Amino acid sequence: MILINLLPHREEKRRRRKQAFFLGIGLAILAGALIAGAWYLVLGEMRREQRSRNEFLQTEIRRLESQIKDIASLKSEIEALKARQKVVEDFQIDRNMPVHLLNELTAQVPEGIYLTAIRQDGQSVAVTGVAQTNERVSEFLRNTAYHSPWLERPELVEIKAAAVTTARDQKRLFEFAVRLTLKRPQDKEQAASPLAPGASGVPAAAAPAASGPAS
């Protein structure tokens, strides 16, 4: 009977399996390392791109913030220029108001009234004077209320009788004080427009009542 020893063959087969196993492990480790390295490189590239985008965005944000500051500064300068322009325009408009006031008083004061003082404060005008009769003062109020393009809202502040002595005789006159409103040119243009509010309204003027002789 022939006997065959299989032990060396089995040992060789076991050794080859072990080599194949370790080779597979080594290849798996190498493949994992390569994949991890490639992923790390990809992540690094993504981080660099994101960092570049962030820097670009920050640069653009700073540029826009600078432009916004410039725009805000320009707006404030424009508002300041508009305010100065309005002051100049108002001055140009208002500088002729005393002329209109004197012209209107000359046109609307009836005979028998003598003005002793005129005081203007903006659009408010205070007038004091002497009248021969109450009717003259009433006529003056009606003229400024209904017939004057520059004067409006007359208000009788005071009227009182006063005795005035002249070289010939003693006369009984009436001292009065009236408050008026002087229109500005733009107010006058609005009032002249048919669509202006209150254009058809009738201002009220109270008729003066004579008081007793001054003591």
C-alpha atoms as a PDB file:
ATOM      1  CA  MET A   1       0.000   0.000   0.000  1.00  0.00           C
ATOM      2  CA  ILE A   2       1.391   3.382  -0.975  1.00  0.00           C
ATOM      3  CA  LEU A   3       1.080   6.193   1.632  1.00  0.00           C
ATOM      4  CA  ILE A   4       1.012   9.886   0.529  1.00  0.00           C
ATOM      5  CA  ASN A   5       1.880  12.645   3.011  1.00  0.00           C
ATOM      6  CA  LEU A   6      -0.562  15.599   2.494  1.00  0.00           C
ATOM      7  CA  LEU A   7       0.720  17.789   5.349  1.00  0.00           C
ATOM      8  CA  PRO A   8       3.108  19.931   3.306  1.00  0.00           C
ATOM      9  CA  HIS A   9       0.389  20.576   0.751  1.00  0.00           C
ATOM     10  CA  ARG A  10      -2.054  21.670   3.439  1.00  0.00           C
ATOM     11  CA  GLU A  11       0.524  23.917   5.032  1.00  0.00           C
ATOM     12  CA  GLU A  12       1.245  25.513   1.709  1.00  0.00           C
ATOM     13  CA  LYS A  13      -2.461  26.074   1.072  1.00  0.00           C
ATOM     14  CA  ARG A  14      -2.934  27.616   4.520  1.00  0.00           C
ATOM     15  CA  ARG A  15       0.043  29.897   3.967  1.00  0.00           C
ATOM     16  CA  ARG A  16      -1.331  31.064   0.633  1.00  0.00           C
ATOM     17  CA  ARG A  17      -4.725  31.816   2.196  1.00  0.00           C
ATOM     18  CA  LYS A  18      -3.046  33.803   4.934  1.00  0.00           C
ATOM     19  CA  GLN A  19      -1.036  35.760   2.350  1.00  0.00           C
ATOM     20  CA  ALA A  20      -4.189  36.415   0.324  1.00  0.00           C
ATOM     21  CA  PHE A  21      -6.008  37.581   3.451  1.00  0.00           C
ATOM     22  CA  PHE A  22      -3.276  40.004   4.485  1.00  0.00           C
ATOM     23  CA  LEU A  23      -2.962  41.173   0.907  1.00  0.00           C
ATOM     24  CA  GLY A  24      -6.695  41.866   0.813  1.00  0.00           C
ATOM     25  CA  ILE A  25      -6.472  43.753   4.100  1.00  0.00           C
ATOM     26  CA  GLY A  26      -3.549  45.755   2.804  1.00  0.00           C
ATOM     27  CA  LEU A  27      -5.347  46.590  -0.408  1.00  0.00           C
ATOM     28  CA  ALA A  28      -8.467  47.594   1.542  1.00  0.00           C
ATOM     29  CA  ILE A  29      -6.381  49.811   3.824  1.00  0.00           C
ATOM     30  CA  LEU A  30      -4.656  51.359   0.817  1.00  0.00           C
ATOM     31  CA  ALA A  31      -7.985  51.941  -0.966  1.00  0.00           C
ATOM     32  CA  GLY A  32      -9.467  53.487   2.202  1.00  0.00           C
ATOM     33  CA  ALA A  33      -6.422  55.735   2.571  1.00  0.00           C
ATOM     34  CA  LEU A  34      -6.671  56.805  -1.060  1.00  0.00           C
ATOM     35  CA  ILE A  35     -10.397  57.498  -0.713  1.00  0.00           C
ATOM     36  CA  ALA A  36      -9.852  59.401   2.551  1.00  0.00           C
ATOM     37  CA  GLY A  37      -7.014  61.407   0.963  1.00  0.00           C
ATOM     38  CA  ALA A  38      -9.108  62.220  -2.079  1.00  0.00           C
ATOM     39  CA  TRP A  39     -12.043  63.271   0.109  1.00  0.00           C
ATOM     40  CA  TYR A  40      -9.734  65.394   2.238  1.00  0.00           C
ATOM     41  CA  LEU A  41      -8.434  67.100  -0.883  1.00  0.00           C
ATOM     42  CA  VAL A  42     -11.996  67.655  -2.110  1.00  0.00           C
ATOM     43  CA  LEU A  43     -13.011  69.119   1.258  1.00  0.00           C
ATOM     44  CA  GLY A  44      -9.948  71.342   1.250  1.00  0.00           C
ATOM     45  CA  GLU A  45     -10.776  72.611  -2.218  1.00  0.00           C
ATOM     46  CA  MET A  46     -14.389  73.237  -1.162  1.00  0.00           C
ATOM     47  CA  ARG A  47     -13.176  75.132   1.903  1.00  0.00           C
ATOM     48  CA  ARG A  48     -10.866  77.247  -0.225  1.00  0.00           C
ATOM     49  CA  GLU A  49     -13.678  78.031  -2.669  1.00  0.00           C
ATOM     50  CA  GLN A  50     -16.062  78.880   0.165  1.00  0.00           C
ATOM     51  CA  ARG A  51     -13.397  81.044   1.816  1.00  0.00           C
ATOM     52  CA  SER A  52     -12.847  82.805  -1.503  1.00  0.00           C
ATOM     53  CA  ARG A  53     -16.588  83.392  -1.888  1.00  0.00           C
ATOM     54  CA  ASN A  54     -16.813  84.691   1.690  1.00  0.00           C
ATOM     55  CA  GLU A  55     -13.938  87.096   1.077  1.00  0.00           C
ATOM     56  CA  PHE A  56     -15.578  88.284  -2.141  1.00  0.00           C
ATOM     57  CA  LEU A  57     -18.894  88.778  -0.346  1.00  0.00           C
ATOM     58  CA  GLN A  58     -17.227  90.668   2.500  1.00  0.00           C
ATOM     59  CA  THR A  59     -15.421  92.886   0.006  1.00  0.00           C
ATOM     60  CA  GLU A  60     -18.673  93.610  -1.812  1.00  0.00           C
ATOM     61  CA  ILE A  61     -20.478  94.256   1.491  1.00  0.00           C
ATOM     62  CA  ARG A  62     -17.810  96.762   2.538  1.00  0.00           C
ATOM     63  CA  ARG A  63     -18.063  98.440  -0.867  1.00  0.00           C
ATOM     64  CA  LEU A  64     -21.857  98.627  -0.620  1.00  0.00           C
ATOM     65  CA  GLU A  65     -21.640  99.958   2.938  1.00  0.00           C
ATOM     66  CA  SER A  66     -19.285 102.667   1.711  1.00  0.00           C
ATOM     67  CA  GLN A  67     -21.714 103.510  -1.116  1.00  0.00           C
ATOM     68  CA  ILE A  68     -24.633 103.576   1.341  1.00  0.00           C
ATOM     69  CA  LYS A  69     -22.713 105.996   3.561  1.00  0.00           C
ATOM     70  CA  ASP A  70     -21.972 108.158   0.526  1.00  0.00           C
ATOM     71  CA  ILE A  71     -25.653 108.087  -0.481  1.00  0.00           C
ATOM     72  CA  ALA A  72     -26.747 109.005   3.057  1.00  0.00           C
ATOM     73  CA  SER A  73     -24.236 111.858   3.076  1.00  0.00           C
ATOM     74  CA  LEU A  74     -25.480 113.038  -0.325  1.00  0.00           C
ATOM     75  CA  LYS A  75     -29.088 112.880   0.872  1.00  0.00           C
ATOM     76  CA  SER A  76     -28.267 115.005   3.931  1.00  0.00           C
ATOM     77  CA  GLU A  77     -26.411 117.485   1.723  1.00  0.00           C
ATOM     78  CA  ILE A  78     -29.359 117.588  -0.694  1.00  0.00           C
ATOM     79  CA  GLU A  79     -31.788 118.210   2.187  1.00  0.00           C
ATOM     80  CA  ALA A  80     -29.542 120.977   3.523  1.00  0.00           C
ATOM     81  CA  LEU A  81     -29.360 122.555   0.059  1.00  0.00           C
ATOM     82  CA  LYS A  82     -33.149 122.317  -0.300  1.00  0.00           C
ATOM     83  CA  ALA A  83     -33.599 123.966   3.097  1.00  0.00           C
ATOM     84  CA  ARG A  84     -31.226 126.806   2.152  1.00  0.00           C
ATOM     85  CA  GLN A  85     -32.941 127.158  -1.215  1.00  0.00           C
ATOM     86  CA  LYS A  86     -36.337 127.395   0.496  1.00  0.00           C
ATOM     87  CA  VAL A  87     -35.017 130.056   2.870  1.00  0.00           C
ATOM     88  CA  VAL A  88     -33.715 132.070  -0.076  1.00  0.00           C
ATOM     89  CA  GLU A  89     -36.970 131.618  -2.006  1.00  0.00           C
ATOM     90  CA  ASP A  90     -39.046 132.628   1.032  1.00  0.00           C
ATOM     91  CA  PHE A  91     -36.836 135.670   1.490  1.00  0.00           C
ATOM     92  CA  GLN A  92     -37.259 136.601  -2.158  1.00  0.00           C
ATOM     93  CA  ILE A  93     -41.032 136.180  -1.841  1.00  0.00           C
ATOM     94  CA  ASP A  94     -41.444 137.915   1.510  1.00  0.00           C
ATOM     95  CA  ARG A  95     -39.234 140.915   0.833  1.00  0.00           C
ATOM     96  CA  ASN A  96     -42.015 142.534  -1.233  1.00  0.00           C
ATOM     97  CA  MET A  97     -44.709 141.974   1.403  1.00  0.00           C
ATOM     98  CA  PRO A  98     -44.210 145.389   3.127  1.00  0.00           C
ATOM     99  CA  VAL A  99     -44.699 147.058  -0.260  1.00  0.00           C
ATOM    100  CA  HIS A 100     -47.970 145.178  -0.816  1.00  0.00           C
ATOM    101  CA  LEU A 101     -49.037 146.043   2.729  1.00  0.00           C
ATOM    102  CA  LEU A 102     -48.514 149.785   2.293  1.00  0.00           C
ATOM    103  CA  ASN A 103     -50.166 149.758  -1.127  1.00  0.00           C
ATOM    104  CA  GLU A 104     -53.209 147.923   0.213  1.00  0.00           C
ATOM    105  CA  LEU A 105     -53.573 150.149   3.247  1.00  0.00           C
ATOM    106  CA  THR A 106     -53.384 153.178   0.965  1.00  0.00           C
ATOM    107  CA  ALA A 107     -56.083 151.682  -1.278  1.00  0.00           C
ATOM    108  CA  GLN A 108     -58.411 150.300   1.409  1.00  0.00           C
ATOM    109  CA  VAL A 109     -58.330 152.989   4.099  1.00  0.00           C
ATOM    110  CA  PRO A 110     -61.386 155.203   3.502  1.00  0.00           C
ATOM    111  CA  GLU A 111     -61.512 158.952   3.915  1.00  0.00           C
ATOM    112  CA  GLY A 112     -61.899 160.080   7.472  1.00  0.00           C
ATOM    113  CA  ILE A 113     -59.378 157.572   8.882  1.00  0.00           C
ATOM    114  CA  TYR A 114     -55.828 158.475   9.814  1.00  0.00           C
ATOM    115  CA  LEU A 115     -53.399 155.692  10.619  1.00  0.00           C
ATOM    116  CA  THR A 116     -51.009 156.430  13.461  1.00  0.00           C
ATOM    117  CA  ALA A 117     -49.005 153.165  13.638  1.00  0.00           C
ATOM    118  CA  ILE A 118     -48.433 150.060  11.531  1.00  0.00           C
ATOM    119  CA  ARG A 119     -46.610 147.030  12.899  1.00  0.00           C
ATOM    120  CA  GLN A 120     -45.894 143.869  10.899  1.00  0.00           C
ATOM    121  CA  ASP A 121     -44.789 140.600  12.487  1.00  0.00           C
ATOM    122  CA  GLY A 122     -44.570 137.978   9.740  1.00  0.00           C
ATOM    123  CA  GLN A 123     -48.074 137.789   8.280  1.00  0.00           C
ATOM    124  CA  SER A 124     -49.718 139.468  11.260  1.00  0.00           C
ATOM    125  CA  VAL A 125     -50.273 143.218  10.944  1.00  0.00           C
ATOM    126  CA  ALA A 126     -51.400 145.518  13.767  1.00  0.00           C
ATOM    127  CA  VAL A 127     -52.853 148.862  12.716  1.00  0.00           C
ATOM    128  CA  THR A 128     -53.846 151.734  14.996  1.00  0.00           C
ATOM    129  CA  GLY A 129     -55.417 154.972  13.948  1.00  0.00           C
ATOM    130  CA  VAL A 130     -58.042 157.650  14.434  1.00  0.00           C
ATOM    131  CA  ALA A 131     -61.431 157.754  12.674  1.00  0.00           C
ATOM    132  CA  GLN A 132     -64.032 160.463  12.417  1.00  0.00           C
ATOM    133  CA  THR A 133     -66.905 157.978  12.949  1.00  0.00           C
ATOM    134  CA  ASN A 134     -67.610 154.350  13.719  1.00  0.00           C
ATOM    135  CA  GLU A 135     -68.855 153.897  10.174  1.00  0.00           C
ATOM    136  CA  ARG A 136     -65.419 154.746   8.803  1.00  0.00           C
ATOM    137  CA  VAL A 137     -63.881 151.951  10.855  1.00  0.00           C
ATOM    138  CA  SER A 138     -66.612 149.558   9.691  1.00  0.00           C
ATOM    139  CA  GLU A 139     -65.915 150.514   6.093  1.00  0.00           C
ATOM    140  CA  PHE A 140     -62.215 149.893   6.611  1.00  0.00           C
ATOM    141  CA  LEU A 141     -62.984 146.406   7.981  1.00  0.00           C
ATOM    142  CA  ARG A 142     -65.292 145.639   5.050  1.00  0.00           C
ATOM    143  CA  ASN A 143     -62.710 146.797   2.525  1.00  0.00           C
ATOM    144  CA  THR A 144     -59.970 144.607   3.955  1.00  0.00           C
ATOM    145  CA  ALA A 145     -62.347 141.637   4.337  1.00  0.00           C
ATOM    146  CA  TYR A 146     -63.990 141.639   0.899  1.00  0.00           C
ATOM    147  CA  HIS A 147     -62.062 143.869  -1.508  1.00  0.00           C
ATOM    148  CA  SER A 148     -58.365 143.432  -0.697  1.00  0.00           C
ATOM    149  CA  PRO A 149     -56.281 140.812  -2.578  1.00  0.00           C
ATOM    150  CA  TRP A 150     -53.522 140.992   0.021  1.00  0.00           C
ATOM    151  CA  LEU A 151     -55.282 141.552   3.358  1.00  0.00           C
ATOM    152  CA  GLU A 152     -57.712 139.174   5.059  1.00  0.00           C
ATOM    153  CA  ARG A 153     -59.340 138.269   8.379  1.00  0.00           C
ATOM    154  CA  PRO A 154     -59.656 141.773   9.839  1.00  0.00           C
ATOM    155  CA  GLU A 155     -60.273 141.787  13.586  1.00  0.00           C
ATOM    156  CA  LEU A 156     -61.264 144.835  15.583  1.00  0.00           C
ATOM    157  CA  VAL A 157     -59.190 144.830  18.748  1.00  0.00           C
ATOM    158  CA  GLU A 158     -60.332 148.088  20.324  1.00  0.00           C
ATOM    159  CA  ILE A 159     -62.251 151.263  19.602  1.00  0.00           C
ATOM    160  CA  LYS A 160     -62.896 154.115  21.936  1.00  0.00           C
ATOM    161  CA  ALA A 161     -64.058 157.690  21.751  1.00  0.00           C
ATOM    162  CA  ALA A 162     -61.496 160.410  22.278  1.00  0.00           C
ATOM    163  CA  ALA A 163     -61.739 164.180  22.416  1.00  0.00           C
ATOM    164  CA  VAL A 164     -59.172 165.961  20.239  1.00  0.00           C
ATOM    165  CA  THR A 165     -58.616 169.684  20.676  1.00  0.00           C
ATOM    166  CA  THR A 166     -57.554 171.646  17.605  1.00  0.00           C
ATOM    167  CA  ALA A 167     -56.692 175.303  17.157  1.00  0.00           C
ATOM    168  CA  ARG A 168     -60.317 176.099  16.253  1.00  0.00           C
ATOM    169  CA  ASP A 169     -62.432 173.732  18.298  1.00  0.00           C
ATOM    170  CA  GLN A 170     -62.658 170.373  20.057  1.00  0.00           C
ATOM    171  CA  LYS A 171     -63.595 167.320  17.999  1.00  0.00           C
ATOM    172  CA  ARG A 172     -64.902 163.944  19.086  1.00  0.00           C
ATOM    173  CA  LEU A 173     -62.979 161.189  17.235  1.00  0.00           C
ATOM    174  CA  PHE A 174     -62.542 157.438  17.671  1.00  0.00           C
ATOM    175  CA  GLU A 175     -59.249 155.753  18.323  1.00  0.00           C
ATOM    176  CA  PHE A 176     -59.135 152.156  17.093  1.00  0.00           C
ATOM    177  CA  ALA A 177     -56.823 149.153  16.791  1.00  0.00           C
ATOM    178  CA  VAL A 178     -57.244 146.494  14.113  1.00  0.00           C
ATOM    179  CA  ARG A 179     -55.402 143.230  13.550  1.00  0.00           C
ATOM    180  CA  LEU A 180     -55.031 141.988   9.946  1.00  0.00           C
ATOM    181  CA  THR A 181     -53.438 139.045   8.158  1.00  0.00           C
ATOM    182  CA  LEU A 182     -51.178 139.757   5.198  1.00  0.00           C
ATOM    183  CA  LYS A 183     -51.285 137.126   2.472  1.00  0.00           C
ATOM    184  CA  ARG A 184     -48.103 135.741   1.030  1.00  0.00           C
ATOM    185  CA  PRO A 185     -47.839 135.618  -2.779  1.00  0.00           C
ATOM    186  CA  GLN A 186     -48.266 131.834  -2.879  1.00  0.00           C
ATOM    187  CA  ASP A 187     -51.329 132.084  -0.596  1.00  0.00           C
ATOM    188  CA  LYS A 188     -52.750 134.719  -2.902  1.00  0.00           C
ATOM    189  CA  GLU A 189     -52.251 132.441  -5.941  1.00  0.00           C
ATOM    190  CA  GLN A 190     -53.978 129.547  -4.161  1.00  0.00           C
ATOM    191  CA  ALA A 191     -56.876 131.773  -3.158  1.00  0.00           C
ATOM    192  CA  ALA A 192     -57.242 132.942  -6.761  1.00  0.00           C
ATOM    193  CA  SER A 193     -57.541 129.359  -7.999  1.00  0.00           C
ATOM    194  CA  PRO A 194     -61.197 128.221  -8.418  1.00  0.00           C
ATOM    195  CA  LEU A 195     -60.297 124.896  -6.767  1.00  0.00           C
ATOM    196  CA  ALA A 196     -58.626 126.481  -3.751  1.00  0.00           C
ATOM    197  CA  PRO A 197     -60.322 125.502  -0.493  1.00  0.00           C
ATOM    198  CA  GLY A 198     -62.231 128.336   1.072  1.00  0.00           C
ATOM    199  CA  ALA A 199     -62.054 130.457  -2.057  1.00  0.00           C
ATOM    200  CA  SER A 200     -65.788 131.008  -1.974  1.00  0.00           C
ATOM    201  CA  GLY A 201     -65.971 131.581   1.769  1.00  0.00           C
ATOM    202  CA  VAL A 202     -66.847 135.003   3.143  1.00  0.00           C
ATOM    203  CA  PRO A 203     -64.597 136.254   5.976  1.00  0.00           C
ATOM    204  CA  ALA A 204     -66.403 137.704   8.913  1.00  0.00           C
ATOM    205  CA  ALA A 205     -65.757 141.223  10.129  1.00  0.00           C
ATOM    206  CA  ALA A 206     -67.526 142.506  13.190  1.00  0.00           C
ATOM    207  CA  ALA A 207     -68.882 146.022  13.069  1.00  0.00           C
ATOM    208  CA  PRO A 208     -67.365 148.219  15.808  1.00  0.00           C
ATOM    209  CA  ALA A 209     -69.459 149.609  18.583  1.00  0.00           C
ATOM    210  CA  ALA A 210     -68.661 152.987  20.037  1.00  0.00           C
ATOM    211  CA  SER A 211     -67.814 153.188  23.691  1.00  0.00           C
ATOM    212  CA  GLY A 212     -68.372 156.108  25.908  1.00  0.00           C
ATOM    213  CA  PRO A 213     -66.066 159.094  26.018  1.00  0.00           C
ATOM    214  CA  ALA A 214     -62.684 158.310  27.455  1.00  0.00           C
ATOM    215  CA  SER A 215     -62.203 159.517  31.010  1.00  0.00           C
END
